[in-house]
Amino acid sequence: MRQLLIQQKQVIFFVIAGGLSAIVEIGSFKLLSVYLPKLFSWEYNLYGIRYPFSNILSTCCGIISNYFLSIWFVFERGKHSKRKEFVYFISVSVVSTFISLLLFQLLFRFVFKDTIDLGFYVLSQEMMSKITAILLVSMLNYSIKKKVIFNG
């Protein structure tokens, strides 16, 4: 078991960093999705898009925290300069953000129709959609970041 943990150290740290970034993203999404619609009524539904700015801003918070956690704990410096590495990381993250936003909208409209009461917390449509989109996109992110940005 110990040998397996040592072999998969990078994946484990990626999962931990991703989990911490997801906490930042989900937490900021929860706050923003509660307060932004009070300031901007169109935030709830902008041309059929649910919570667009809450989603974008919370994803940016998650991306920035993930970048720093990734370079500190997950990946070794790659073949690129710090500047190029950051640009590539952000570029991949921007594309991932669009994929995540699309997934969120699809999940919100077609998959998650009801809330789930866990007793201590109620998972709403938007929270289940956000969490699922993050999990799906994170698998793609690991592969691309490991192979393309950092010397995988």
C-alpha atoms as a PDB file:
ATOM      1  CA  MET A   1       0.000   0.000   0.000  1.00  0.00           C
ATOM      2  CA  ARG A   2       2.817   2.365   0.902  1.00  0.00           C
ATOM      3  CA  GLN A   3       4.529   1.703  -2.431  1.00  0.00           C
ATOM      4  CA  LEU A   4       1.308   2.463  -4.281  1.00  0.00           C
ATOM      5  CA  LEU A   5       0.944   5.765  -2.398  1.00  0.00           C
ATOM      6  CA  ILE A   6       4.535   6.704  -3.250  1.00  0.00           C
ATOM      7  CA  GLN A   7       3.990   5.855  -6.934  1.00  0.00           C
ATOM      8  CA  GLN A   8       0.776   7.843  -7.068  1.00  0.00           C
ATOM      9  CA  LYS A   9       2.019  10.769  -4.967  1.00  0.00           C
ATOM     10  CA  GLN A  10       1.482  13.303  -7.742  1.00  0.00           C
ATOM     11  CA  VAL A  11      -2.072  12.133  -8.396  1.00  0.00           C
ATOM     12  CA  ILE A  12      -2.847  12.226  -4.659  1.00  0.00           C
ATOM     13  CA  PHE A  13      -1.469  15.758  -4.343  1.00  0.00           C
ATOM     14  CA  PHE A  14      -3.385  16.785  -7.471  1.00  0.00           C
ATOM     15  CA  VAL A  15      -6.588  15.461  -5.906  1.00  0.00           C
ATOM     16  CA  ILE A  16      -5.848  17.312  -2.642  1.00  0.00           C
ATOM     17  CA  ALA A  17      -4.981  20.565  -4.462  1.00  0.00           C
ATOM     18  CA  GLY A  18      -8.033  20.132  -6.659  1.00  0.00           C
ATOM     19  CA  GLY A  19     -10.184  19.475  -3.616  1.00  0.00           C
ATOM     20  CA  LEU A  20      -8.948  22.622  -1.900  1.00  0.00           C
ATOM     21  CA  SER A  21      -9.463  24.627  -5.088  1.00  0.00           C
ATOM     22  CA  ALA A  22     -12.932  23.131  -5.445  1.00  0.00           C
ATOM     23  CA  ILE A  23     -13.732  24.231  -1.889  1.00  0.00           C
ATOM     24  CA  VAL A  24     -12.643  27.758  -2.820  1.00  0.00           C
ATOM     25  CA  GLU A  25     -14.668  27.615  -6.047  1.00  0.00           C
ATOM     26  CA  ILE A  26     -17.797  26.090  -4.531  1.00  0.00           C
ATOM     27  CA  GLY A  27     -17.653  28.340  -1.470  1.00  0.00           C
ATOM     28  CA  SER A  28     -17.271  31.471  -3.557  1.00  0.00           C
ATOM     29  CA  PHE A  29     -20.014  30.248  -5.923  1.00  0.00           C
ATOM     30  CA  LYS A  30     -22.368  29.731  -2.981  1.00  0.00           C
ATOM     31  CA  LEU A  31     -21.704  33.237  -1.680  1.00  0.00           C
ATOM     32  CA  LEU A  32     -21.887  34.867  -5.095  1.00  0.00           C
ATOM     33  CA  SER A  33     -25.021  32.987  -6.184  1.00  0.00           C
ATOM     34  CA  VAL A  34     -26.793  34.191  -3.042  1.00  0.00           C
ATOM     35  CA  TYR A  35     -25.678  37.833  -3.116  1.00  0.00           C
ATOM     36  CA  LEU A  36     -25.183  38.742  -6.802  1.00  0.00           C
ATOM     37  CA  PRO A  37     -28.839  38.142  -7.761  1.00  0.00           C
ATOM     38  CA  LYS A  38     -29.795  40.624  -5.032  1.00  0.00           C
ATOM     39  CA  LEU A  39     -27.600  43.241  -6.713  1.00  0.00           C
ATOM     40  CA  PHE A  40     -28.297  42.225 -10.319  1.00  0.00           C
ATOM     41  CA  SER A  41     -31.677  40.604 -10.918  1.00  0.00           C
ATOM     42  CA  TRP A  42     -30.543  39.295 -14.312  1.00  0.00           C
ATOM     43  CA  GLU A  43     -27.868  37.146 -12.615  1.00  0.00           C
ATOM     44  CA  TYR A  44     -30.464  34.448 -11.916  1.00  0.00           C
ATOM     45  CA  ASN A  45     -31.310  34.107 -15.592  1.00  0.00           C
ATOM     46  CA  LEU A  46     -29.362  36.022 -18.256  1.00  0.00           C
ATOM     47  CA  TYR A  47     -30.785  34.989 -21.636  1.00  0.00           C
ATOM     48  CA  GLY A  48     -31.411  31.492 -20.307  1.00  0.00           C
ATOM     49  CA  ILE A  49     -28.009  31.195 -18.635  1.00  0.00           C
ATOM     50  CA  ARG A  50     -28.251  30.578 -14.899  1.00  0.00           C
ATOM     51  CA  TYR A  51     -25.830  32.387 -12.576  1.00  0.00           C
ATOM     52  CA  PRO A  52     -23.331  33.400 -15.304  1.00  0.00           C
ATOM     53  CA  PHE A  53     -21.217  35.847 -13.307  1.00  0.00           C
ATOM     54  CA  SER A  54     -21.325  33.823 -10.093  1.00  0.00           C
ATOM     55  CA  ASN A  55     -20.074  30.893 -12.121  1.00  0.00           C
ATOM     56  CA  ILE A  56     -17.336  32.829 -13.906  1.00  0.00           C
ATOM     57  CA  LEU A  57     -16.065  34.665 -10.818  1.00  0.00           C
ATOM     58  CA  SER A  58     -16.062  31.546  -8.640  1.00  0.00           C
ATOM     59  CA  THR A  59     -14.258  29.603 -11.368  1.00  0.00           C
ATOM     60  CA  CYS A  60     -11.586  32.332 -11.530  1.00  0.00           C
ATOM     61  CA  CYS A  61     -11.091  32.017  -7.765  1.00  0.00           C
ATOM     62  CA  GLY A  62     -10.721  28.264  -8.187  1.00  0.00           C
ATOM     63  CA  ILE A  63      -8.269  28.609 -11.092  1.00  0.00           C
ATOM     64  CA  ILE A  64      -5.993  31.022  -9.266  1.00  0.00           C
ATOM     65  CA  SER A  65      -5.922  28.939  -6.096  1.00  0.00           C
ATOM     66  CA  ASN A  66      -5.327  25.804  -8.186  1.00  0.00           C
ATOM     67  CA  TYR A  67      -2.393  27.381 -10.030  1.00  0.00           C
ATOM     68  CA  PHE A  68      -0.566  28.225  -6.840  1.00  0.00           C
ATOM     69  CA  LEU A  69      -1.335  24.885  -5.195  1.00  0.00           C
ATOM     70  CA  SER A  70      -0.221  23.064  -8.360  1.00  0.00           C
ATOM     71  CA  ILE A  71       3.146  24.783  -8.601  1.00  0.00           C
ATOM     72  CA  TRP A  72       3.776  24.516  -4.850  1.00  0.00           C
ATOM     73  CA  PHE A  73       2.688  20.917  -4.213  1.00  0.00           C
ATOM     74  CA  VAL A  74       1.807  18.938  -7.339  1.00  0.00           C
ATOM     75  CA  PHE A  75       3.978  19.514 -10.385  1.00  0.00           C
ATOM     76  CA  GLU A  76       7.651  20.241 -10.787  1.00  0.00           C
ATOM     77  CA  ARG A  77       8.635  23.136 -12.970  1.00  0.00           C
ATOM     78  CA  GLY A  78       8.217  22.234 -16.590  1.00  0.00           C
ATOM     79  CA  LYS A  79      10.177  22.905 -19.716  1.00  0.00           C
ATOM     80  CA  HIS A  80       8.616  26.346 -20.064  1.00  0.00           C
ATOM     81  CA  SER A  81       9.543  29.652 -18.469  1.00  0.00           C
ATOM     82  CA  LYS A  82       7.389  30.733 -15.517  1.00  0.00           C
ATOM     83  CA  ARG A  83       5.634  33.236 -17.729  1.00  0.00           C
ATOM     84  CA  LYS A  84       4.828  30.708 -20.485  1.00  0.00           C
ATOM     85  CA  GLU A  85       3.853  28.139 -17.898  1.00  0.00           C
ATOM     86  CA  PHE A  86       1.395  30.595 -16.331  1.00  0.00           C
ATOM     87  CA  VAL A  87      -0.032  31.572 -19.734  1.00  0.00           C
ATOM     88  CA  TYR A  88      -0.476  27.902 -20.713  1.00  0.00           C
ATOM     89  CA  PHE A  89      -2.017  27.092 -17.334  1.00  0.00           C
ATOM     90  CA  ILE A  90      -4.467  29.973 -17.616  1.00  0.00           C
ATOM     91  CA  SER A  91      -5.250  29.116 -21.265  1.00  0.00           C
ATOM     92  CA  VAL A  92      -6.067  25.517 -20.402  1.00  0.00           C
ATOM     93  CA  SER A  93      -8.086  26.761 -17.446  1.00  0.00           C
ATOM     94  CA  VAL A  94     -10.059  29.220 -19.607  1.00  0.00           C
ATOM     95  CA  VAL A  95     -10.976  26.465 -22.069  1.00  0.00           C
ATOM     96  CA  SER A  96     -11.848  24.244 -19.110  1.00  0.00           C
ATOM     97  CA  THR A  97     -13.985  27.047 -17.711  1.00  0.00           C
ATOM     98  CA  PHE A  98     -16.064  27.184 -20.884  1.00  0.00           C
ATOM     99  CA  ILE A  99     -16.455  23.409 -20.799  1.00  0.00           C
ATOM    100  CA  SER A 100     -17.414  23.638 -17.117  1.00  0.00           C
ATOM    101  CA  LEU A 101     -19.937  26.414 -17.793  1.00  0.00           C
ATOM    102  CA  LEU A 102     -21.496  24.379 -20.588  1.00  0.00           C
ATOM    103  CA  LEU A 103     -21.638  21.281 -18.408  1.00  0.00           C
ATOM    104  CA  PHE A 104     -23.161  23.321 -15.569  1.00  0.00           C
ATOM    105  CA  GLN A 105     -25.941  24.586 -17.838  1.00  0.00           C
ATOM    106  CA  LEU A 106     -26.658  21.106 -19.239  1.00  0.00           C
ATOM    107  CA  LEU A 107     -26.654  19.487 -15.811  1.00  0.00           C
ATOM    108  CA  PHE A 108     -28.802  22.276 -14.336  1.00  0.00           C
ATOM    109  CA  ARG A 109     -31.407  22.068 -17.105  1.00  0.00           C
ATOM    110  CA  PHE A 110     -31.532  18.361 -17.878  1.00  0.00           C
ATOM    111  CA  VAL A 111     -30.033  16.232 -15.098  1.00  0.00           C
ATOM    112  CA  PHE A 112     -30.554  17.662 -11.622  1.00  0.00           C
ATOM    113  CA  LYS A 113     -34.257  18.430 -11.236  1.00  0.00           C
ATOM    114  CA  ASP A 114     -34.687  18.110  -7.464  1.00  0.00           C
ATOM    115  CA  THR A 115     -32.766  19.024  -4.343  1.00  0.00           C
ATOM    116  CA  ILE A 116     -31.224  16.385  -2.104  1.00  0.00           C
ATOM    117  CA  ASP A 117     -31.700  16.791   1.628  1.00  0.00           C
ATOM    118  CA  LEU A 118     -28.736  15.285   3.466  1.00  0.00           C
ATOM    119  CA  GLY A 119     -30.171  16.202   6.828  1.00  0.00           C
ATOM    120  CA  PHE A 120     -27.357  18.578   7.695  1.00  0.00           C
ATOM    121  CA  TYR A 121     -27.245  20.271   4.279  1.00  0.00           C
ATOM    122  CA  VAL A 122     -29.544  20.566   1.283  1.00  0.00           C
ATOM    123  CA  LEU A 123     -27.888  20.128  -2.105  1.00  0.00           C
ATOM    124  CA  SER A 124     -29.619  22.426  -4.566  1.00  0.00           C
ATOM    125  CA  GLN A 125     -29.783  22.019  -8.343  1.00  0.00           C
ATOM    126  CA  GLU A 126     -27.075  24.606  -8.844  1.00  0.00           C
ATOM    127  CA  MET A 127     -24.714  23.098  -6.241  1.00  0.00           C
ATOM    128  CA  MET A 128     -25.061  19.563  -7.629  1.00  0.00           C
ATOM    129  CA  SER A 129     -24.501  20.896 -11.151  1.00  0.00           C
ATOM    130  CA  LYS A 130     -21.420  22.884 -10.075  1.00  0.00           C
ATOM    131  CA  ILE A 131     -19.859  19.989  -8.151  1.00  0.00           C
ATOM    132  CA  THR A 132     -20.428  17.515 -10.993  1.00  0.00           C
ATOM    133  CA  ALA A 133     -19.015  19.908 -13.599  1.00  0.00           C
ATOM    134  CA  ILE A 134     -15.907  20.447 -11.449  1.00  0.00           C
ATOM    135  CA  LEU A 135     -15.312  16.702 -11.067  1.00  0.00           C
ATOM    136  CA  LEU A 136     -15.659  16.003 -14.789  1.00  0.00           C
ATOM    137  CA  VAL A 137     -13.449  18.881 -15.901  1.00  0.00           C
ATOM    138  CA  SER A 138     -10.763  18.130 -13.292  1.00  0.00           C
ATOM    139  CA  MET A 139     -10.025  14.759 -14.900  1.00  0.00           C
ATOM    140  CA  LEU A 140      -9.360  16.464 -18.223  1.00  0.00           C
ATOM    141  CA  ASN A 141      -7.280  19.175 -16.531  1.00  0.00           C
ATOM    142  CA  TYR A 142      -4.913  16.734 -14.841  1.00  0.00           C
ATOM    143  CA  SER A 143      -4.039  14.997 -18.084  1.00  0.00           C
ATOM    144  CA  ILE A 144      -3.458  18.183 -20.038  1.00  0.00           C
ATOM    145  CA  LYS A 145      -1.539  20.000 -17.315  1.00  0.00           C
ATOM    146  CA  LYS A 146       0.692  17.019 -16.633  1.00  0.00           C
ATOM    147  CA  LYS A 147       1.517  16.273 -20.263  1.00  0.00           C
ATOM    148  CA  VAL A 148       1.535  19.702 -21.878  1.00  0.00           C
ATOM    149  CA  ILE A 149       2.380  22.328 -19.279  1.00  0.00           C
ATOM    150  CA  PHE A 150       4.569  20.492 -16.822  1.00  0.00           C
ATOM    151  CA  ASN A 151       7.038  17.799 -17.849  1.00  0.00           C
ATOM    152  CA  GLY A 152       4.695  14.870 -17.287  1.00  0.00           C
END
